[in-house]
């Protein structure tokens, strides 16, 4: 069977961040408890001239060579934050990246499952041989809506991941026939309009748990061999609506394998899951990019990561679907992730105060669905001039009669 997996991968964590500690203090919460419960230290934020289009393009551009662009035959963008209800943002990103015209492109939507839904399609296309040697570019890009003062404000954020999928993988190789799925119809969290994000957090947590258990049991049925949870998977990566959810998820599967104490779960979690939280703890909620953010964090964090190590992945999308799948680490994984310098990019973000964060959120909210507007490029002491100008980042230049114009800084 043909090998299929990730050849290159990169993350874009926005250009602004706020410390979780400061938000907790401003909302009258215990900072230590907030950080301990959610495992988020800082959260990402975009200025008004960035959106899901710019985030996706800014994740992809640094890793793509001219040769890669010629070899791409499919572009799929997973998002729940599209800027249009008809036109897919994959078209905007296709143009921005300068890809050739013989590329199939479209957008996928299923809440936080959208990125893995896009990945599945790309993997199957290549595995079928219908790609005829071409590669697929998968992008997952999303950010939170405004929820000032709400209980779930501490689990917001945003990021984008760009993944080059091919039959010459260098980061991970997917185990194509080892997958499990679980679906149901539920209103846990959803976005009924471009402005609103609704739902019930408690219902969502229960749905997540049901989907995890159901998808994992289905994976066991399809694995084709006995699976001992503790020894079969060297590492586990879970969908992280917030990084702290990864512990709850791991506890479910640990106890499904065999009952154990919370201390035993914690020890297992620290070894097999905690390394994957490296970048998620810096950006907050990662939506459809969650599994990819976890993968990059794991590879960056584990010294002497062994080639052939098996990773068990779980992806969840509200509404709802869960997928459990697996992949094996390849020899060049560490080299590829190191070359993207993700930590360094996160370090270059600008810290904002709670007051500045609220101002930016209100500004972004006010621009939604406007027929005409020009983003304010002077906000935050001309952050555009200091961070963007001449640096080759894609930004939203203007919206005129709903037509969106983007340009590289």
Protein backbone atom coordinates (compact mmCIF):
# COMPACT_ATOMS: atom_id res chain seq x y z
CA UNK A 1 0.00 0.00 0.00
CA UNK A 2 1.20 3.50 -0.85
CA UNK A 3 2.67 5.59 1.95
CA UNK A 4 0.68 8.76 2.71
CA UNK A 5 1.38 11.37 5.32
CA UNK A 6 2.63 14.81 6.19
CA UNK A 7 5.61 16.07 4.23
CA UNK A 8 5.68 19.55 5.78
CA UNK A 9 3.71 21.37 8.45
CA UNK A 10 3.67 24.87 9.93
CA UNK A 11 1.62 26.90 12.41
CA UNK A 12 0.62 30.55 12.53
CA UNK A 13 -0.30 31.78 16.00
CA UNK A 14 -1.50 35.29 15.15
CA UNK A 15 0.51 38.43 16.01
CA UNK A 16 -0.96 39.47 19.36
CA UNK A 17 -1.31 37.69 22.69
CA UNK A 18 -2.71 38.27 26.16
CA UNK A 19 -1.67 36.62 29.40
CA UNK A 20 -4.34 34.40 30.91
CA UNK A 21 -3.24 35.58 34.34
CA UNK A 22 -4.17 39.18 33.53
CA UNK A 23 -7.57 38.24 32.12
CA UNK A 24 -8.33 36.18 35.23
CA UNK A 25 -7.48 39.10 37.52
CA UNK A 26 -9.61 41.49 35.44
CA UNK A 27 -12.57 39.10 35.73
CA UNK A 28 -12.14 38.55 39.47
CA UNK A 29 -10.94 34.96 39.14
CA UNK A 30 -8.06 33.12 40.80
CA UNK A 31 -5.27 33.20 38.15
CA UNK A 32 -3.59 30.04 39.43
CA UNK A 33 -6.83 28.07 39.29
CA UNK A 34 -7.71 29.37 35.82
CA UNK A 35 -4.31 28.40 34.43
CA UNK A 36 -4.33 25.05 36.23
CA UNK A 37 -7.83 24.13 35.01
CA UNK A 38 -7.43 25.19 31.37
CA UNK A 39 -3.64 24.77 30.94
CA UNK A 40 -3.55 28.00 28.90
CA UNK A 41 -0.82 30.51 29.73
CA UNK A 42 -1.45 32.99 26.92
CA UNK A 43 -4.06 33.32 24.18
CA UNK A 44 -3.69 34.57 20.63
CA UNK A 45 -5.52 37.50 19.11
CA UNK A 46 -5.65 39.11 15.65
CA UNK A 47 -5.60 42.81 14.78
CA UNK A 48 -8.53 44.02 12.60
CA UNK A 49 -6.58 43.52 9.36
CA UNK A 50 -6.26 39.75 9.86
CA UNK A 51 -8.90 37.05 9.38
CA UNK A 52 -9.08 33.33 8.58
CA UNK A 53 -7.81 33.98 5.04
CA UNK A 54 -4.69 35.81 6.18
CA UNK A 55 -4.02 33.31 8.96
CA UNK A 56 -4.17 30.33 6.60
CA UNK A 57 -1.94 31.97 3.99
CA UNK A 58 0.54 33.12 6.65
CA UNK A 59 0.81 29.55 7.93
CA UNK A 60 1.42 28.12 4.47
CA UNK A 61 3.73 30.62 2.80
CA UNK A 62 6.91 30.06 4.90
CA UNK A 63 6.99 26.32 4.25
CA UNK A 64 6.20 26.24 0.51
CA UNK A 65 8.92 26.30 -2.13
CA UNK A 66 8.24 27.15 -5.76
CA UNK A 67 8.50 23.44 -6.49
CA UNK A 68 5.89 22.65 -3.82
CA UNK A 69 3.50 25.13 -5.42
CA UNK A 70 3.87 23.45 -8.80
CA UNK A 71 3.27 20.02 -7.25
CA UNK A 72 0.07 20.94 -5.39
CA UNK A 73 -3.04 19.52 -7.06
CA UNK A 74 -5.55 19.99 -4.26
CA UNK A 75 -6.17 22.74 -1.68
CA UNK A 76 -8.70 22.18 1.10
CA UNK A 77 -9.36 24.70 3.85
CA UNK A 78 -11.18 23.67 7.03
CA UNK A 79 -12.81 26.50 8.97
CA UNK A 80 -15.89 27.54 10.92
CA UNK A 81 -14.93 31.20 10.54
CA UNK A 82 -15.28 31.75 6.81
CA UNK A 83 -15.72 35.32 5.59
CA UNK A 84 -18.47 34.35 3.12
CA UNK A 85 -21.41 31.94 3.15
CA UNK A 86 -20.95 30.95 -0.49
CA UNK A 87 -17.47 31.70 -1.76
CA UNK A 88 -14.89 29.46 -0.05
CA UNK A 89 -11.81 31.11 1.45
CA UNK A 90 -9.74 28.45 -0.31
CA UNK A 91 -10.08 30.59 -3.44
CA UNK A 92 -8.60 33.62 -1.67
CA UNK A 93 -5.75 31.55 -0.29
CA UNK A 94 -5.14 29.89 -3.67
CA UNK A 95 -4.62 33.32 -5.23
CA UNK A 96 -2.57 34.71 -2.35
CA UNK A 97 -0.11 31.79 -2.45
CA UNK A 98 0.28 32.04 -6.23
CA UNK A 99 -0.78 28.45 -6.94
CA UNK A 100 -1.33 27.37 -10.55
CA UNK A 101 -4.85 27.07 -11.97
CA UNK A 102 -5.07 23.27 -12.22
CA UNK A 103 -5.83 22.85 -8.54
CA UNK A 104 -9.03 21.47 -7.04
CA UNK A 105 -9.95 23.73 -4.10
CA UNK A 106 -12.81 23.94 -1.62
CA UNK A 107 -13.74 24.53 2.01
CA UNK A 108 -14.84 22.04 4.67
CA UNK A 109 -17.03 22.77 7.67
CA UNK A 110 -17.78 20.67 10.72
CA UNK A 111 -16.86 22.86 13.68
CA UNK A 112 -13.48 21.77 15.10
CA UNK A 113 -13.45 18.60 12.99
CA UNK A 114 -13.09 20.66 9.80
CA UNK A 115 -9.29 20.37 9.64
CA UNK A 116 -9.24 16.58 10.00
CA UNK A 117 -12.16 16.29 7.55
CA UNK A 118 -9.97 18.14 5.04
CA UNK A 119 -7.01 15.93 5.93
CA UNK A 120 -9.04 12.74 5.41
CA UNK A 121 -10.05 13.82 1.91
CA UNK A 122 -6.47 14.68 0.99
CA UNK A 123 -5.12 11.39 2.37
CA UNK A 124 -7.75 9.33 0.55
CA UNK A 125 -7.14 11.19 -2.73
CA UNK A 126 -3.43 10.44 -2.58
CA UNK A 127 -3.88 6.85 -1.37
CA UNK A 128 -6.24 6.15 -4.28
CA UNK A 129 -3.56 7.08 -6.81
CA UNK A 130 -5.89 9.59 -8.45
CA UNK A 131 -3.51 12.36 -7.44
CA UNK A 132 -1.08 11.20 -10.18
CA UNK A 133 1.92 12.31 -8.15
CA UNK A 134 0.42 15.61 -7.01
CA UNK A 135 0.36 16.81 -3.41
CA UNK A 136 -2.43 18.28 -1.29
CA UNK A 137 -2.27 21.44 0.79
CA UNK A 138 -4.56 21.25 3.82
CA UNK A 139 -5.18 24.36 5.90
CA UNK A 140 -7.12 24.67 9.17
CA UNK A 141 -7.76 28.25 10.26
CA UNK A 142 -10.03 29.73 12.93
CA UNK A 143 -10.38 32.21 15.76
CA UNK A 144 -12.94 32.82 18.48
CA UNK A 145 -15.84 35.23 18.46
CA UNK A 146 -16.21 37.96 21.08
CA UNK A 147 -17.34 36.64 24.47
CA UNK A 148 -16.33 39.42 26.85
CA UNK A 149 -17.08 38.57 30.47
CA UNK A 150 -18.55 35.14 29.71
CA UNK A 151 -17.53 32.04 31.69
CA UNK A 152 -15.92 30.46 28.62
CA UNK A 153 -13.88 33.57 27.80
CA UNK A 154 -10.82 31.80 29.21
CA UNK A 155 -10.87 29.09 26.52
CA UNK A 156 -10.79 31.35 23.47
CA UNK A 157 -7.99 32.01 21.00
CA UNK A 158 -7.08 31.15 17.45
CA UNK A 159 -4.45 29.76 15.14
CA UNK A 160 -3.88 28.29 11.68
CA UNK A 161 -2.06 25.18 10.52
CA UNK A 162 -0.80 24.41 7.02
CA UNK A 163 -0.09 20.79 6.11
CA UNK A 164 1.49 19.49 2.91
CA UNK A 165 0.21 15.93 2.38
CA UNK A 166 1.95 13.62 -0.08
CA UNK A 167 3.12 10.09 -0.87
CA UNK A 168 6.65 11.12 0.20
CA UNK A 169 5.93 11.92 3.86
CA UNK A 170 8.70 13.17 6.17
CA UNK A 171 6.86 14.02 9.41
CA UNK A 172 4.29 11.25 9.98
CA UNK A 173 2.86 8.38 7.95
CA UNK A 174 -0.84 7.65 8.50
CA UNK A 175 -2.09 4.13 9.17
CA UNK A 176 -4.73 4.28 6.47
CA UNK A 177 -7.05 1.48 7.53
CA UNK A 178 -6.92 2.18 11.26
CA UNK A 179 -9.72 4.67 11.90
CA UNK A 180 -12.81 4.87 14.03
CA UNK A 181 -15.79 7.24 13.81
CA UNK A 182 -18.80 8.21 15.91
CA UNK A 183 -21.57 10.62 14.92
CA UNK A 184 -24.76 12.08 16.32
CA UNK A 185 -27.00 15.13 15.93
CA UNK A 186 -26.67 17.56 18.83
CA UNK A 187 -26.60 21.31 19.44
CA UNK A 188 -23.63 21.60 21.77
CA UNK A 189 -21.77 24.61 20.33
CA UNK A 190 -22.64 26.24 17.02
CA UNK A 191 -22.52 29.51 15.04
CA UNK A 192 -26.00 30.25 13.68
CA UNK A 193 -24.92 33.59 12.22
CA UNK A 194 -21.71 35.35 11.33
CA UNK A 195 -21.86 37.18 14.66
CA UNK A 196 -23.17 34.63 17.14
CA UNK A 197 -21.63 31.59 18.78
CA UNK A 198 -24.10 29.66 20.91
CA UNK A 199 -24.36 26.42 22.82
CA UNK A 200 -24.10 24.64 26.13
CA UNK A 201 -20.63 23.93 27.48
CA UNK A 202 -21.78 21.09 29.72
CA UNK A 203 -23.59 19.36 26.85
CA UNK A 204 -20.50 19.80 24.70
CA UNK A 205 -18.26 18.09 27.25
CA UNK A 206 -20.62 15.12 27.49
CA UNK A 207 -20.85 14.89 23.70
CA UNK A 208 -17.07 15.05 23.41
CA UNK A 209 -16.76 12.17 25.89
CA UNK A 210 -19.34 10.05 24.09
CA UNK A 211 -17.66 10.69 20.74
CA UNK A 212 -14.22 9.82 22.12
CA UNK A 213 -15.35 6.52 23.60
CA UNK A 214 -17.43 5.63 20.55
CA UNK A 215 -14.73 6.49 18.00
CA UNK A 216 -12.03 4.67 19.98
CA UNK A 217 -14.12 1.49 20.25
CA UNK A 218 -14.75 1.68 16.49
CA UNK A 219 -10.98 2.08 15.97
CA UNK A 220 -10.41 -1.11 17.96
CA UNK A 221 -12.83 -2.95 15.65
CA UNK A 222 -10.96 -1.73 12.56
CA UNK A 223 -7.38 -2.04 13.80
CA UNK A 224 -6.96 -5.59 12.49
CA UNK A 225 -4.92 -6.61 15.54
CA UNK A 226 -5.19 -6.56 19.34
CA UNK A 227 -4.67 -3.08 20.81
CA UNK A 228 -3.43 -2.56 24.35
CA UNK A 229 -3.94 1.14 25.02
CA UNK A 230 -0.91 1.51 27.28
CA UNK A 231 1.63 -0.19 25.04
CA UNK A 232 0.18 0.28 21.55
CA UNK A 233 0.32 4.07 21.51
CA UNK A 234 3.57 5.80 22.40
CA UNK A 235 1.80 9.18 22.50
CA UNK A 236 -1.75 10.49 22.37
CA UNK A 237 -3.02 13.76 20.91
CA UNK A 238 -6.57 14.90 21.61
CA UNK A 239 -8.78 17.64 20.28
CA UNK A 240 -8.26 20.57 22.63
CA UNK A 241 -11.15 23.04 22.85
CA UNK A 242 -8.81 24.06 25.65
CA UNK A 243 -5.58 22.19 26.49
CA UNK A 244 -6.91 21.09 29.89
CA UNK A 245 -9.52 18.98 28.08
CA UNK A 246 -6.73 16.68 26.93
CA UNK A 247 -6.34 15.40 30.50
CA UNK A 248 -10.06 14.64 30.78
CA UNK A 249 -9.96 12.80 27.45
CA UNK A 250 -6.90 10.77 28.39
CA UNK A 251 -8.49 9.77 31.67
CA UNK A 252 -11.48 8.38 29.78
CA UNK A 253 -9.33 6.12 27.58
CA UNK A 254 -7.01 5.14 30.41
CA UNK A 255 -9.92 3.95 32.53
CA UNK A 256 -11.56 2.30 29.54
CA UNK A 257 -8.43 0.18 29.18
CA UNK A 258 -8.24 -0.58 32.91
CA UNK A 259 -9.45 1.25 36.02
CA UNK A 260 -6.73 3.33 37.67
CA UNK A 261 -6.28 6.14 40.15
CA UNK A 262 -6.14 9.81 39.21
CA UNK A 263 -2.46 9.82 40.17
CA UNK A 264 -1.79 6.96 37.75
CA UNK A 265 -3.67 8.77 34.99
CA UNK A 266 -1.68 11.93 35.69
CA UNK A 267 1.62 10.06 35.43
CA UNK A 268 0.56 8.49 32.14
CA UNK A 269 -0.72 11.85 30.87
CA UNK A 270 2.54 13.63 31.67
CA UNK A 271 4.49 11.11 29.63
CA UNK A 272 2.22 10.54 26.65
CA UNK A 273 0.10 13.69 26.25
CA UNK A 274 1.59 16.70 28.02
CA UNK A 275 4.32 17.31 25.37
CA UNK A 276 1.59 17.92 22.77
CA UNK A 277 0.29 20.93 24.74
CA UNK A 278 3.44 23.00 24.13
CA UNK A 279 1.98 25.36 21.53
CA UNK A 280 -1.69 25.04 22.50
CA UNK A 281 -0.84 26.49 25.92
CA UNK A 282 0.46 29.59 24.12
CA UNK A 283 -2.45 30.24 21.73
CA UNK A 284 -5.58 29.00 23.55
CA UNK A 285 -8.34 27.33 21.59
CA UNK A 286 -7.11 25.98 18.25
CA UNK A 287 -10.39 24.80 16.66
CA UNK A 288 -9.86 22.72 13.49
CA UNK A 289 -6.08 23.02 13.76
CA UNK A 290 -6.04 21.27 17.14
CA UNK A 291 -4.55 17.90 16.13
CA UNK A 292 -1.88 19.62 14.03
CA UNK A 293 -0.94 22.04 16.81
CA UNK A 294 -0.65 19.04 19.13
CA UNK A 295 1.53 17.16 16.65
CA UNK A 296 3.94 20.06 16.26
CA UNK A 297 4.07 20.53 20.01
CA UNK A 298 4.82 16.86 20.60
CA UNK A 299 7.60 16.69 18.03
CA UNK A 300 9.16 19.93 19.26
CA UNK A 301 9.02 18.89 22.92
CA UNK A 302 10.24 15.28 22.98
CA UNK A 303 14.01 14.92 22.86
CA UNK A 304 15.26 11.99 20.80
CA UNK A 305 11.80 11.19 19.48
CA UNK A 306 12.02 7.69 18.05
CA UNK A 307 11.13 7.04 14.44
CA UNK A 308 8.24 4.59 14.27
CA UNK A 309 6.60 5.84 17.45
CA UNK A 310 2.84 5.50 17.12
CA UNK A 311 0.55 8.43 17.90
CA UNK A 312 -3.15 7.98 18.61
CA UNK A 313 -5.16 11.04 17.50
CA UNK A 314 -8.67 12.07 18.46
CA UNK A 315 -10.52 14.83 16.60
CA UNK A 316 -13.92 16.17 17.64
CA UNK A 317 -16.38 18.50 15.96
CA UNK A 318 -19.47 19.88 17.63
CA UNK A 319 -22.71 18.87 16.06
CA UNK A 320 -21.21 16.17 16.40
CA UNK A 321 -18.51 13.80 15.17
CA UNK A 322 -15.49 12.11 16.67
CA UNK A 323 -12.66 10.41 14.79
CA UNK A 324 -9.85 8.31 16.27
CA UNK A 325 -6.93 7.54 13.97
CA UNK A 326 -3.20 6.88 14.16
CA UNK A 327 0.12 7.65 12.53
CA UNK A 328 3.79 6.85 12.95
CA UNK A 329 6.64 9.29 13.39
CA UNK A 330 9.20 9.46 10.57
CA UNK A 331 12.97 10.07 10.92
CA UNK A 332 12.94 13.68 9.67
CA UNK A 333 10.05 14.87 11.85
CA UNK A 334 12.20 16.82 14.29
CA UNK A 335 14.19 18.47 11.53
CA UNK A 336 11.04 19.63 9.73
CA UNK A 337 9.44 21.14 12.84
CA UNK A 338 12.69 22.79 13.95
CA UNK A 339 13.02 24.48 10.56
CA UNK A 340 9.67 26.26 10.99
CA UNK A 341 10.86 28.06 14.17
CA UNK A 342 7.38 28.12 15.66
CA UNK A 343 8.45 29.16 19.16
CA UNK A 344 10.40 32.08 17.71
CA UNK A 345 7.35 33.22 15.75
CA UNK A 346 5.21 33.09 18.90
CA UNK A 347 7.87 35.07 20.77
CA UNK A 348 7.54 37.91 18.25
CA UNK A 349 3.86 38.47 19.06
CA UNK A 350 2.90 41.69 20.83
CA UNK A 351 1.48 41.44 24.34
CA UNK A 352 -1.76 43.35 24.82
CA UNK A 353 -3.48 44.44 28.01
CA UNK A 354 -7.01 43.36 28.87
CA UNK A 355 -8.24 46.81 27.86
CA UNK A 356 -6.49 46.57 24.48
CA UNK A 357 -7.85 43.06 23.98
CA UNK A 358 -11.41 44.27 24.59
CA UNK A 359 -10.89 47.19 22.20
CA UNK A 360 -9.61 44.86 19.43
CA UNK A 361 -12.45 42.39 19.95
CA UNK A 362 -15.07 45.15 19.71
CA UNK A 363 -13.37 46.53 16.62
CA UNK A 364 -13.32 43.13 14.90
CA UNK A 365 -16.94 42.52 15.86
CA UNK A 366 -18.04 45.86 14.42
CA UNK A 367 -16.57 45.02 11.01
CA UNK A 368 -18.44 41.73 10.54
CA UNK A 369 -20.66 41.78 7.44
CA UNK A 370 -19.89 45.43 6.65
CA UNK A 371 -20.30 46.16 2.96
CA UNK A 372 -17.42 48.63 2.98
CA UNK A 373 -14.62 49.17 5.45
CA UNK A 374 -10.90 49.77 5.69
CA UNK A 375 -9.17 48.19 8.72
CA UNK A 376 -7.42 50.56 11.09
CA UNK A 377 -3.72 49.93 10.50
CA UNK A 378 -2.69 52.39 13.21
CA UNK A 379 -4.04 50.49 16.21
CA UNK A 380 -1.76 49.42 19.06
CA UNK A 381 0.87 52.10 18.45
CA UNK A 382 1.18 51.30 14.75
CA UNK A 383 1.82 47.59 15.31
CA UNK A 384 1.43 47.10 11.56
CA UNK A 385 4.49 49.23 10.82
CA UNK A 386 6.57 47.46 13.46
CA UNK A 387 5.61 43.83 12.82
CA UNK A 388 4.05 43.54 9.36
CA UNK A 389 5.42 46.19 7.02
CA UNK A 390 7.98 44.73 4.64
CA UNK A 391 7.84 41.32 6.39
CA UNK A 392 5.70 39.46 3.85
CA UNK A 393 2.53 38.77 5.85
CA UNK A 394 -0.86 38.63 4.14
CA UNK A 395 -3.27 41.30 5.43
CA UNK A 396 -6.79 42.43 4.62
CA UNK A 397 -6.41 45.75 2.78
CA UNK A 398 -10.07 46.71 2.44
CA UNK A 399 -13.63 45.54 1.82
CA UNK A 400 -15.48 47.41 -0.91
CA UNK A 401 -19.03 46.45 -1.85
CA UNK A 402 -18.30 43.13 -0.05
CA UNK A 403 -15.28 42.46 -2.30
CA UNK A 404 -12.30 41.66 -0.09
CA UNK A 405 -8.84 42.79 -1.15
CA UNK A 406 -5.76 41.20 0.38
CA UNK A 407 -2.11 42.10 -0.06
CA UNK A 408 1.30 40.97 1.18
CA UNK A 409 2.89 43.44 3.55
